[in-house]
Amino acid sequence: MAEARRKTTLEERKEIVGYCIAHDRDYKGTASLCDVSYSRVYSWVKKYDAAGGDGLSDKRGHHKPDDEVDELECLSRENLRLKRQLEEKDMVVELLKKVKEFERM
């Protein structure tokens, strides 16, 4: 089982990408030297190529508030919220049916 890799800061990721690019995109060597996975280095370089340094920031778990998204995204979020509510209500109805069925026994 492989050991967990260390977490990196935005500045470290920028340095790692810079090193990799300066060394003819040696992903494997960079990964080994910097104690991060090959796939992380490759991914960071790809993101850097597409969006520059801003592409290296960790955006997981960060969502824009409803007032900062366009109408389509706002409607999509509302649709998802309503679907979840409907699923919860359906589960309550099914549970109540089971309870009623159980009480008849």
PDB file of N, CA and C in Angstrom:
ATOM      1  N   MET A   1       0.849  -1.183   0.000  1.00  0.00           N
ATOM      2  CA  MET A   1       0.000   0.000   0.000  1.00  0.00           C
ATOM      3  C   MET A   1       0.893   1.244   0.000  1.00  0.00           C
ATOM      4  N   ALA A   2       0.615   2.165  -0.919  1.00  0.00           N
ATOM      5  CA  ALA A   2       1.435   3.368  -1.026  1.00  0.00           C
ATOM      6  C   ALA A   2       1.121   4.314   0.132  1.00  0.00           C
ATOM      7  N   GLU A   3       2.164   5.002   0.599  1.00  0.00           N
ATOM      8  CA  GLU A   3       1.937   5.947   1.681  1.00  0.00           C
ATOM      9  C   GLU A   3       1.333   7.225   1.124  1.00  0.00           C
ATOM     10  N   ALA A   4       0.597   7.936   1.969  1.00  0.00           N
ATOM     11  CA  ALA A   4      -0.063   9.163   1.541  1.00  0.00           C
ATOM     12  C   ALA A   4       0.972  10.232   1.224  1.00  0.00           C
ATOM     13  N   ARG A   5       0.701  10.978   0.185  1.00  0.00           N
ATOM     14  CA  ARG A   5       1.590  12.065  -0.197  1.00  0.00           C
ATOM     15  C   ARG A   5       1.268  13.292   0.641  1.00  0.00           C
ATOM     16  N   ARG A   6       2.224  14.178   0.731  1.00  0.00           N
ATOM     17  CA  ARG A   6       2.038  15.388   1.535  1.00  0.00           C
ATOM     18  C   ARG A   6       1.154  16.393   0.815  1.00  0.00           C
ATOM     19  N   LYS A   7       0.570  17.294   1.593  1.00  0.00           N
ATOM     20  CA  LYS A   7      -0.228  18.374   1.013  1.00  0.00           C
ATOM     21  C   LYS A   7       0.722  19.484   0.568  1.00  0.00           C
ATOM     22  N   THR A   8       0.297  20.241  -0.425  1.00  0.00           N
ATOM     23  CA  THR A   8       1.137  21.315  -0.951  1.00  0.00           C
ATOM     24  C   THR A   8       0.369  22.633  -0.930  1.00  0.00           C
ATOM     25  N   THR A   9       1.105  23.703  -0.823  1.00  0.00           N
ATOM     26  CA  THR A   9       0.513  25.042  -0.897  1.00  0.00           C
ATOM     27  C   THR A   9       0.509  25.478  -2.360  1.00  0.00           C
ATOM     28  N   LEU A  10      -0.201  26.555  -2.626  1.00  0.00           N
ATOM     29  CA  LEU A  10      -0.241  27.107  -3.976  1.00  0.00           C
ATOM     30  C   LEU A  10       1.164  27.497  -4.433  1.00  0.00           C
ATOM     31  N   GLU A  11       1.936  28.106  -3.530  1.00  0.00           N
ATOM     32  CA  GLU A  11       3.302  28.515  -3.885  1.00  0.00           C
ATOM     33  C   GLU A  11       4.170  27.301  -4.212  1.00  0.00           C
ATOM     34  N   GLU A  12       4.029  26.233  -3.435  1.00  0.00           N
ATOM     35  CA  GLU A  12       4.804  25.011  -3.721  1.00  0.00           C
ATOM     36  C   GLU A  12       4.432  24.442  -5.084  1.00  0.00           C
ATOM     37  N   ARG A  13       3.136  24.426  -5.376  1.00  0.00           N
ATOM     38  CA  ARG A  13       2.699  23.895  -6.676  1.00  0.00           C
ATOM     39  C   ARG A  13       3.289  24.719  -7.815  1.00  0.00           C
ATOM     40  N   LYS A  14       3.325  26.036  -7.647  1.00  0.00           N
ATOM     41  CA  LYS A  14       3.918  26.898  -8.678  1.00  0.00           C
ATOM     42  C   LYS A  14       5.402  26.588  -8.856  1.00  0.00           C
ATOM     43  N   GLU A  15       6.105  26.397  -7.752  1.00  0.00           N
ATOM     44  CA  GLU A  15       7.529  26.064  -7.830  1.00  0.00           C
ATOM     45  C   GLU A  15       7.743  24.708  -8.496  1.00  0.00           C
ATOM     46  N   ILE A  16       6.919  23.731  -8.133  1.00  0.00           N
ATOM     47  CA  ILE A  16       7.042  22.387  -8.705  1.00  0.00           C
ATOM     48  C   ILE A  16       6.791  22.422 -10.209  1.00  0.00           C
ATOM     49  N   VAL A  17       5.749  23.148 -10.628  1.00  0.00           N
ATOM     50  CA  VAL A  17       5.441  23.270 -12.060  1.00  0.00           C
ATOM     51  C   VAL A  17       6.583  23.969 -12.787  1.00  0.00           C
ATOM     52  N   GLY A  18       7.084  25.048 -12.195  1.00  0.00           N
ATOM     53  CA  GLY A  18       8.204  25.768 -12.805  1.00  0.00           C
ATOM     54  C   GLY A  18       9.420  24.883 -12.972  1.00  0.00           C
ATOM     55  N   TYR A  19       9.724  24.082 -11.954  1.00  0.00           N
ATOM     56  CA  TYR A  19      10.860  23.169 -12.018  1.00  0.00           C
ATOM     57  C   TYR A  19      10.650  22.137 -13.131  1.00  0.00           C
ATOM     58  N   CYS A  20       9.443  21.583 -13.164  1.00  0.00           N
ATOM     59  CA  CYS A  20       9.148  20.549 -14.164  1.00  0.00           C
ATOM     60  C   CYS A  20       9.292  21.097 -15.582  1.00  0.00           C
ATOM     61  N   ILE A  21       8.724  22.269 -15.827  1.00  0.00           N
ATOM     62  CA  ILE A  21       8.803  22.873 -17.156  1.00  0.00           C
ATOM     63  C   ILE A  21      10.255  23.208 -17.510  1.00  0.00           C
ATOM     64  N   ALA A  22      11.010  23.727 -16.539  1.00  0.00           N
ATOM     65  CA  ALA A  22      12.419  24.086 -16.770  1.00  0.00           C
ATOM     66  C   ALA A  22      13.284  22.863 -17.051  1.00  0.00           C
ATOM     67  N   HIS A  23      12.836  21.697 -16.618  1.00  0.00           N
ATOM     68  CA  HIS A  23      13.597  20.462 -16.830  1.00  0.00           C
ATOM     69  C   HIS A  23      12.922  19.574 -17.875  1.00  0.00           C
ATOM     70  N   ASP A  24      12.520  20.195 -18.976  1.00  0.00           N
ATOM     71  CA  ASP A  24      11.942  19.487 -20.133  1.00  0.00           C
ATOM     72  C   ASP A  24      10.751  18.605 -19.770  1.00  0.00           C
ATOM     73  N   ARG A  25       9.921  19.105 -18.852  1.00  0.00           N
ATOM     74  CA  ARG A  25       8.700  18.402 -18.434  1.00  0.00           C
ATOM     75  C   ARG A  25       8.997  16.978 -17.962  1.00  0.00           C
ATOM     76  N   ASP A  26       9.999  16.867 -17.120  1.00  0.00           N
ATOM     77  CA  ASP A  26      10.365  15.580 -16.514  1.00  0.00           C
ATOM     78  C   ASP A  26       9.436  15.325 -15.327  1.00  0.00           C
ATOM     79  N   TYR A  27       8.236  14.842 -15.632  1.00  0.00           N
ATOM     80  CA  TYR A  27       7.218  14.627 -14.597  1.00  0.00           C
ATOM     81  C   TYR A  27       7.689  13.635 -13.536  1.00  0.00           C
ATOM     82  N   LYS A  28       8.262  12.533 -13.997  1.00  0.00           N
ATOM     83  CA  LYS A  28       8.691  11.480 -13.069  1.00  0.00           C
ATOM     84  C   LYS A  28       9.793  11.989 -12.129  1.00  0.00           C
ATOM     85  N   GLY A  29      10.797  12.627 -12.692  1.00  0.00           N
ATOM     86  CA  GLY A  29      11.895  13.144 -11.880  1.00  0.00           C
ATOM     87  C   GLY A  29      11.427  14.224 -10.916  1.00  0.00           C
ATOM     88  N   THR A  30      10.554  15.088 -11.389  1.00  0.00           N
ATOM     89  CA  THR A  30      10.015  16.155 -10.541  1.00  0.00           C
ATOM     90  C   THR A  30       9.187  15.567  -9.407  1.00  0.00           C
ATOM     91  N   ALA A  31       8.365  14.596  -9.729  1.00  0.00           N
ATOM     92  CA  ALA A  31       7.522  13.957  -8.716  1.00  0.00           C
ATOM     93  C   ALA A  31       8.377  13.315  -7.630  1.00  0.00           C
ATOM     94  N   SER A  32       9.405  12.613  -8.037  1.00  0.00           N
ATOM     95  CA  SER A  32      10.294  11.949  -7.089  1.00  0.00           C
ATOM     96  C   SER A  32      11.035  12.963  -6.215  1.00  0.00           C
ATOM     97  N   LEU A  33      11.557  13.989  -6.827  1.00  0.00           N
ATOM     98  CA  LEU A  33      12.311  15.015  -6.104  1.00  0.00           C
ATOM     99  C   LEU A  33      11.440  15.780  -5.105  1.00  0.00           C
ATOM    100  N   CYS A  34      10.207  16.055  -5.489  1.00  0.00           N
ATOM    101  CA  CYS A  34       9.328  16.896  -4.668  1.00  0.00           C
ATOM    102  C   CYS A  34       8.373  16.106  -3.779  1.00  0.00           C
ATOM    103  N   ASP A  35       8.467  14.786  -3.809  1.00  0.00           N
ATOM    104  CA  ASP A  35       7.631  13.908  -2.995  1.00  0.00           C
ATOM    105  C   ASP A  35       6.133  14.124  -3.238  1.00  0.00           C
ATOM    106  N   VAL A  36       5.784  14.179  -4.509  1.00  0.00           N
ATOM    107  CA  VAL A  36       4.379  14.198  -4.913  1.00  0.00           C
ATOM    108  C   VAL A  36       4.218  13.163  -6.025  1.00  0.00           C
ATOM    109  N   SER A  37       2.987  12.804  -6.339  1.00  0.00           N
ATOM    110  CA  SER A  37       2.777  11.769  -7.347  1.00  0.00           C
ATOM    111  C   SER A  37       2.995  12.299  -8.767  1.00  0.00           C
ATOM    112  N   TYR A  38       3.321  11.395  -9.644  1.00  0.00           N
ATOM    113  CA  TYR A  38       3.505  11.715 -11.062  1.00  0.00           C
ATOM    114  C   TYR A  38       2.239  12.363 -11.610  1.00  0.00           C
ATOM    115  N   SER A  39       1.077  11.769 -11.268  1.00  0.00           N
ATOM    116  CA  SER A  39      -0.185  12.275 -11.808  1.00  0.00           C
ATOM    117  C   SER A  39      -0.482  13.690 -11.325  1.00  0.00           C
ATOM    118  N   ARG A  40      -0.083  14.013 -10.098  1.00  0.00           N
ATOM    119  CA  ARG A  40      -0.278  15.376  -9.578  1.00  0.00           C
ATOM    120  C   ARG A  40       0.565  16.359 -10.376  1.00  0.00           C
ATOM    121  N   VAL A  41       1.822  16.030 -10.589  1.00  0.00           N
ATOM    122  CA  VAL A  41       2.705  16.925 -11.349  1.00  0.00           C
ATOM    123  C   VAL A  41       2.150  17.123 -12.760  1.00  0.00           C
ATOM    124  N   TYR A  42       1.781  16.042 -13.399  1.00  0.00           N
ATOM    125  CA  TYR A  42       1.236  16.115 -14.752  1.00  0.00           C
ATOM    126  C   TYR A  42      -0.014  17.001 -14.775  1.00  0.00           C
ATOM    127  N   SER A  43      -0.916  16.778 -13.812  1.00  0.00           N
ATOM    128  CA  SER A  43      -2.156  17.540 -13.729  1.00  0.00           C
ATOM    129  C   SER A  43      -1.882  19.024 -13.506  1.00  0.00           C
ATOM    130  N   TRP A  44      -0.962  19.337 -12.594  1.00  0.00           N
ATOM    131  CA  TRP A  44      -0.648  20.734 -12.318  1.00  0.00           C
ATOM    132  C   TRP A  44      -0.063  21.433 -13.537  1.00  0.00           C
ATOM    133  N   VAL A  45       0.833  20.749 -14.262  1.00  0.00           N
ATOM    134  CA  VAL A  45       1.432  21.353 -15.452  1.00  0.00           C
ATOM    135  C   VAL A  45       0.351  21.596 -16.508  1.00  0.00           C
ATOM    136  N   LYS A  46      -0.548  20.638 -16.664  1.00  0.00           N
ATOM    137  CA  LYS A  46      -1.638  20.777 -17.626  1.00  0.00           C
ATOM    138  C   LYS A  46      -2.534  21.967 -17.255  1.00  0.00           C
ATOM    139  N   LYS A  47      -2.874  22.089 -15.964  1.00  0.00           N
ATOM    140  CA  LYS A  47      -3.695  23.217 -15.501  1.00  0.00           C
ATOM    141  C   LYS A  47      -2.953  24.532 -15.680  1.00  0.00           C
ATOM    142  N   TYR A  48      -1.661  24.528 -15.411  1.00  0.00           N
ATOM    143  CA  TYR A  48      -0.843  25.732 -15.575  1.00  0.00           C
ATOM    144  C   TYR A  48      -0.817  26.165 -17.044  1.00  0.00           C
ATOM    145  N   ASP A  49      -0.662  25.193 -17.942  1.00  0.00           N
ATOM    146  CA  ASP A  49      -0.662  25.495 -19.375  1.00  0.00           C
ATOM    147  C   ASP A  49      -1.994  26.121 -19.804  1.00  0.00           C
ATOM    148  N   ALA A  50      -3.086  25.662 -19.226  1.00  0.00           N
ATOM    149  CA  ALA A  50      -4.410  26.134 -19.622  1.00  0.00           C
ATOM    150  C   ALA A  50      -4.790  27.469 -18.985  1.00  0.00           C
ATOM    151  N   ALA A  51      -4.422  27.661 -17.700  1.00  0.00           N
ATOM    152  CA  ALA A  51      -4.926  28.843 -16.983  1.00  0.00           C
ATOM    153  C   ALA A  51      -3.856  29.625 -16.229  1.00  0.00           C
ATOM    154  N   GLY A  52      -2.608  29.287 -16.419  1.00  0.00           N
ATOM    155  CA  GLY A  52      -1.543  29.988 -15.697  1.00  0.00           C
ATOM    156  C   GLY A  52      -1.551  29.622 -14.218  1.00  0.00           C
ATOM    157  N   GLY A  53      -0.948  30.480 -13.410  1.00  0.00           N
ATOM    158  CA  GLY A  53      -0.841  30.217 -11.980  1.00  0.00           C
ATOM    159  C   GLY A  53      -2.174  30.069 -11.276  1.00  0.00           C
ATOM    160  N   ASP A  54      -3.206  30.750 -11.753  1.00  0.00           N
ATOM    161  CA  ASP A  54      -4.529  30.650 -11.136  1.00  0.00           C
ATOM    162  C   ASP A  54      -5.115  29.243 -11.269  1.00  0.00           C
ATOM    163  N   GLY A  55      -4.697  28.519 -12.276  1.00  0.00           N
ATOM    164  CA  GLY A  55      -5.198  27.160 -12.477  1.00  0.00           C
ATOM    165  C   GLY A  55      -4.712  26.184 -11.428  1.00  0.00           C
ATOM    166  N   LEU A  56      -3.736  26.594 -10.639  1.00  0.00           N
ATOM    167  CA  LEU A  56      -3.161  25.692  -9.633  1.00  0.00           C
ATOM    168  C   LEU A  56      -3.837  25.793  -8.271  1.00  0.00           C
ATOM    169  N   SER A  57      -4.754  26.746  -8.097  1.00  0.00           N
ATOM    170  CA  SER A  57      -5.420  26.862  -6.798  1.00  0.00           C
ATOM    171  C   SER A  57      -6.403  25.716  -6.618  1.00  0.00           C
ATOM    172  N   ASP A  58      -6.562  25.286  -5.377  1.00  0.00           N
ATOM    173  CA  ASP A  58      -7.434  24.158  -5.041  1.00  0.00           C
ATOM    174  C   ASP A  58      -8.855  24.675  -4.875  1.00  0.00           C
ATOM    175  N   LYS A  59      -9.718  24.301  -5.792  1.00  0.00           N
ATOM    176  CA  LYS A  59     -11.087  24.810  -5.766  1.00  0.00           C
ATOM    177  C   LYS A  59     -12.094  23.787  -5.254  1.00  0.00           C
ATOM    178  N   ARG A  60     -11.619  22.668  -4.742  1.00  0.00           N
ATOM    179  CA  ARG A  60     -12.547  21.642  -4.262  1.00  0.00           C
ATOM    180  C   ARG A  60     -13.366  22.174  -3.091  1.00  0.00           C
ATOM    181  N   GLY A  61     -14.663  21.922  -3.147  1.00  0.00           N
ATOM    182  CA  GLY A  61     -15.547  22.302  -2.057  1.00  0.00           C
ATOM    183  C   GLY A  61     -15.947  23.764  -2.032  1.00  0.00           C
ATOM    184  N   HIS A  62     -15.489  24.542  -3.000  1.00  0.00           N
ATOM    185  CA  HIS A  62     -15.831  25.961  -3.042  1.00  0.00           C
ATOM    186  C   HIS A  62     -16.867  26.204  -4.137  1.00  0.00           C
ATOM    187  N   HIS A  63     -18.017  26.686  -3.732  1.00  0.00           N
ATOM    188  CA  HIS A  63     -19.075  26.961  -4.698  1.00  0.00           C
ATOM    189  C   HIS A  63     -19.463  28.426  -4.600  1.00  0.00           C
ATOM    190  N   LYS A  64     -19.768  29.022  -5.722  1.00  0.00           N
ATOM    191  CA  LYS A  64     -20.197  30.407  -5.735  1.00  0.00           C
ATOM    192  C   LYS A  64     -21.578  30.509  -5.085  1.00  0.00           C
ATOM    193  N   PRO A  65     -21.821  31.610  -4.353  1.00  0.00           N
ATOM    194  CA  PRO A  65     -23.163  31.816  -3.799  1.00  0.00           C
ATOM    195  C   PRO A  65     -24.172  32.012  -4.930  1.00  0.00           C
ATOM    196  N   ASP A  66     -25.454  31.778  -4.653  1.00  0.00           N
ATOM    197  CA  ASP A  66     -26.487  31.871  -5.685  1.00  0.00           C
ATOM    198  C   ASP A  66     -26.519  33.225  -6.383  1.00  0.00           C
ATOM    199  N   ASP A  67     -26.177  34.305  -5.664  1.00  0.00           N
ATOM    200  CA  ASP A  67     -26.243  35.621  -6.293  1.00  0.00           C
ATOM    201  C   ASP A  67     -25.059  35.910  -7.224  1.00  0.00           C
ATOM    202  N   GLU A  68     -24.092  34.970  -7.300  1.00  0.00           N
ATOM    203  CA  GLU A  68     -22.935  35.166  -8.190  1.00  0.00           C
ATOM    204  C   GLU A  68     -22.945  34.240  -9.408  1.00  0.00           C
ATOM    205  N   VAL A  69     -24.010  33.456  -9.580  1.00  0.00           N
ATOM    206  CA  VAL A  69     -24.067  32.544 -10.726  1.00  0.00           C
ATOM    207  C   VAL A  69     -25.132  33.014 -11.716  1.00  0.00           C
ATOM    208  N   ASP A  70     -25.022  32.512 -12.940  1.00  0.00           N
ATOM    209  CA  ASP A  70     -25.988  32.917 -13.959  1.00  0.00           C
ATOM    210  C   ASP A  70     -27.338  32.229 -13.728  1.00  0.00           C
ATOM    211  N   GLU A  71     -28.339  32.648 -14.475  1.00  0.00           N
ATOM    212  CA  GLU A  71     -29.701  32.160 -14.279  1.00  0.00           C
ATOM    213  C   GLU A  71     -29.806  30.655 -14.490  1.00  0.00           C
ATOM    214  N   LEU A  72     -29.110  30.129 -15.482  1.00  0.00           N
ATOM    215  CA  LEU A  72     -29.159  28.693 -15.759  1.00  0.00           C
ATOM    216  C   LEU A  72     -28.626  27.892 -14.574  1.00  0.00           C
ATOM    217  N   GLU A  73     -27.492  28.308 -14.021  1.00  0.00           N
ATOM    218  CA  GLU A  73     -26.922  27.614 -12.864  1.00  0.00           C
ATOM    219  C   GLU A  73     -27.846  27.728 -11.659  1.00  0.00           C
ATOM    220  N   CYS A  74     -28.447  28.890 -11.484  1.00  0.00           N
ATOM    221  CA  CYS A  74     -29.374  29.108 -10.370  1.00  0.00           C
ATOM    222  C   CYS A  74     -30.574  28.157 -10.488  1.00  0.00           C
ATOM    223  N   LEU A  75     -31.117  28.041 -11.692  1.00  0.00           N
ATOM    224  CA  LEU A  75     -32.243  27.138 -11.921  1.00  0.00           C
ATOM    225  C   LEU A  75     -31.829  25.679 -11.741  1.00  0.00           C
ATOM    226  N   SER A  76     -30.634  25.351 -12.163  1.00  0.00           N
ATOM    227  CA  SER A  76     -30.130  23.992 -12.009  1.00  0.00           C
ATOM    228  C   SER A  76     -30.014  23.623 -10.524  1.00  0.00           C
ATOM    229  N   ARG A  77     -29.495  24.560  -9.722  1.00  0.00           N
ATOM    230  CA  ARG A  77     -29.381  24.321  -8.279  1.00  0.00           C
ATOM    231  C   ARG A  77     -30.755  24.147  -7.640  1.00  0.00           C
ATOM    232  N   GLU A  78     -31.706  25.000  -8.043  1.00  0.00           N
ATOM    233  CA  GLU A  78     -33.067  24.914  -7.505  1.00  0.00           C
ATOM    234  C   GLU A  78     -33.706  23.583  -7.877  1.00  0.00           C
ATOM    235  N   ASN A  79     -33.488  23.145  -9.105  1.00  0.00           N
ATOM    236  CA  ASN A  79     -34.014  21.867  -9.572  1.00  0.00           C
ATOM    237  C   ASN A  79     -33.458  20.716  -8.727  1.00  0.00           C
ATOM    238  N   LEU A  80     -32.171  20.734  -8.482  1.00  0.00           N
ATOM    239  CA  LEU A  80     -31.539  19.693  -7.670  1.00  0.00           C
ATOM    240  C   LEU A  80     -32.088  19.698  -6.250  1.00  0.00           C
ATOM    241  N   ARG A  81     -32.242  20.896  -5.665  1.00  0.00           N
ATOM    242  CA  ARG A  81     -32.781  21.011  -4.318  1.00  0.00           C
ATOM    243  C   ARG A  81     -34.196  20.440  -4.239  1.00  0.00           C
ATOM    244  N   LEU A  82     -35.028  20.754  -5.237  1.00  0.00           N
ATOM    245  CA  LEU A  82     -36.405  20.264  -5.257  1.00  0.00           C
ATOM    246  C   LEU A  82     -36.466  18.748  -5.456  1.00  0.00           C
ATOM    247  N   LYS A  83     -35.575  18.214  -6.281  1.00  0.00           N
ATOM    248  CA  LYS A  83     -35.523  16.757  -6.469  1.00  0.00           C
ATOM    249  C   LYS A  83     -35.180  16.057  -5.163  1.00  0.00           C
ATOM    250  N   ARG A  84     -34.222  16.622  -4.422  1.00  0.00           N
ATOM    251  CA  ARG A  84     -33.845  16.025  -3.130  1.00  0.00           C
ATOM    252  C   ARG A  84     -35.010  16.078  -2.152  1.00  0.00           C
ATOM    253  N   GLN A  85     -35.726  17.203  -2.137  1.00  0.00           N
ATOM    254  CA  GLN A  85     -36.889  17.308  -1.249  1.00  0.00           C
ATOM    255  C   GLN A  85     -37.936  16.265  -1.607  1.00  0.00           C
ATOM    256  N   LEU A  86     -38.175  16.090  -2.896  1.00  0.00           N
ATOM    257  CA  LEU A  86     -39.156  15.110  -3.358  1.00  0.00           C
ATOM    258  C   LEU A  86     -38.743  13.692  -2.962  1.00  0.00           C
ATOM    259  N   GLU A  87     -37.472  13.367  -3.121  1.00  0.00           N
ATOM    260  CA  GLU A  87     -36.973  12.051  -2.718  1.00  0.00           C
ATOM    261  C   GLU A  87     -37.170  11.816  -1.226  1.00  0.00           C
ATOM    262  N   GLU A  88     -36.885  12.854  -0.415  1.00  0.00           N
ATOM    263  CA  GLU A  88     -37.068  12.731   1.029  1.00  0.00           C
ATOM    264  C   GLU A  88     -38.539  12.491   1.371  1.00  0.00           C
ATOM    265  N   LYS A  89     -39.442  13.222   0.720  1.00  0.00           N
ATOM    266  CA  LYS A  89     -40.871  13.056   0.974  1.00  0.00           C
ATOM    267  C   LYS A  89     -41.348  11.672   0.537  1.00  0.00           C
ATOM    268  N   ASP A  90     -40.829  11.188  -0.593  1.00  0.00           N
ATOM    269  CA  ASP A  90     -41.179   9.839  -1.048  1.00  0.00           C
ATOM    270  C   ASP A  90     -40.735   8.788  -0.038  1.00  0.00           C
ATOM    271  N   MET A  91     -39.539   8.988   0.550  1.00  0.00           N
ATOM    272  CA  MET A  91     -39.052   8.043   1.556  1.00  0.00           C
ATOM    273  C   MET A  91     -39.938   8.071   2.806  1.00  0.00           C
ATOM    274  N   VAL A  92     -40.400   9.255   3.204  1.00  0.00           N
ATOM    275  CA  VAL A  92     -41.284   9.366   4.369  1.00  0.00           C
ATOM    276  C   VAL A  92     -42.600   8.645   4.089  1.00  0.00           C
ATOM    277  N   VAL A  93     -43.146   8.831   2.902  1.00  0.00           N
ATOM    278  CA  VAL A  93     -44.393   8.165   2.538  1.00  0.00           C
ATOM    279  C   VAL A  93     -44.223   6.648   2.593  1.00  0.00           C
ATOM    280  N   GLU A  94     -43.125   6.150   2.031  1.00  0.00           N
ATOM    281  CA  GLU A  94     -42.866   4.708   2.056  1.00  0.00           C
ATOM    282  C   GLU A  94     -42.713   4.196   3.484  1.00  0.00           C
ATOM    283  N   LEU A  95     -42.028   4.968   4.322  1.00  0.00           N
ATOM    284  CA  LEU A  95     -41.850   4.583   5.710  1.00  0.00           C
ATOM    285  C   LEU A  95     -43.194   4.522   6.425  1.00  0.00           C
ATOM    286  N   LEU A  96     -44.037   5.511   6.196  1.00  0.00           N
ATOM    287  CA  LEU A  96     -45.359   5.522   6.827  1.00  0.00           C
ATOM    288  C   LEU A  96     -46.208   4.339   6.366  1.00  0.00           C
ATOM    289  N   LYS A  97     -46.091   3.969   5.097  1.00  0.00           N
ATOM    290  CA  LYS A  97     -46.807   2.793   4.593  1.00  0.00           C
ATOM    291  C   LYS A  97     -46.354   1.535   5.321  1.00  0.00           C
ATOM    292  N   LYS A  98     -45.037   1.415   5.532  1.00  0.00           N
ATOM    293  CA  LYS A  98     -44.493   0.244   6.227  1.00  0.00           C
ATOM    294  C   LYS A  98     -44.977   0.210   7.677  1.00  0.00           C
ATOM    295  N   VAL A  99     -44.999   1.367   8.328  1.00  0.00           N
ATOM    296  CA  VAL A  99     -45.459   1.436   9.716  1.00  0.00           C
ATOM    297  C   VAL A  99     -46.927   1.032   9.802  1.00  0.00           C
ATOM    298  N   LYS A 100     -47.739   1.531   8.892  1.00  0.00           N
ATOM    299  CA  LYS A 100     -49.160   1.197   8.867  1.00  0.00           C
ATOM    300  C   LYS A 100     -49.353  -0.303   8.640  1.00  0.00           C
ATOM    301  N   GLU A 101     -48.558  -0.833   7.717  1.00  0.00           N
ATOM    302  CA  GLU A 101     -48.608  -2.271   7.418  1.00  0.00           C
ATOM    303  C   GLU A 101     -48.213  -3.089   8.645  1.00  0.00           C
ATOM    304  N   PHE A 102     -47.202  -2.633   9.341  1.00  0.00           N
ATOM    305  CA  PHE A 102     -46.727  -3.315  10.536  1.00  0.00           C
ATOM    306  C   PHE A 102     -47.786  -3.283  11.640  1.00  0.00           C
ATOM    307  N   GLU A 103     -48.482  -2.143  11.789  1.00  0.00           N
ATOM    308  CA  GLU A 103     -49.500  -2.001  12.815  1.00  0.00           C
ATOM    309  C   GLU A 103     -50.684  -2.923  12.576  1.00  0.00           C
ATOM    310  N   ARG A 104     -50.946  -3.290  11.343  1.00  0.00           N
ATOM    311  CA  ARG A 104     -52.057  -4.187  11.015  1.00  0.00           C
ATOM    312  C   ARG A 104     -51.786  -5.613  11.430  1.00  0.00           C
ATOM    313  N   MET A 105     -50.559  -5.962  11.633  1.00  0.00           N
ATOM    314  CA  MET A 105     -50.197  -7.346  11.986  1.00  0.00           C
ATOM    315  C   MET A 105     -50.588  -7.695  13.385  1.00  0.00           C
TER     316      MET A 105
END
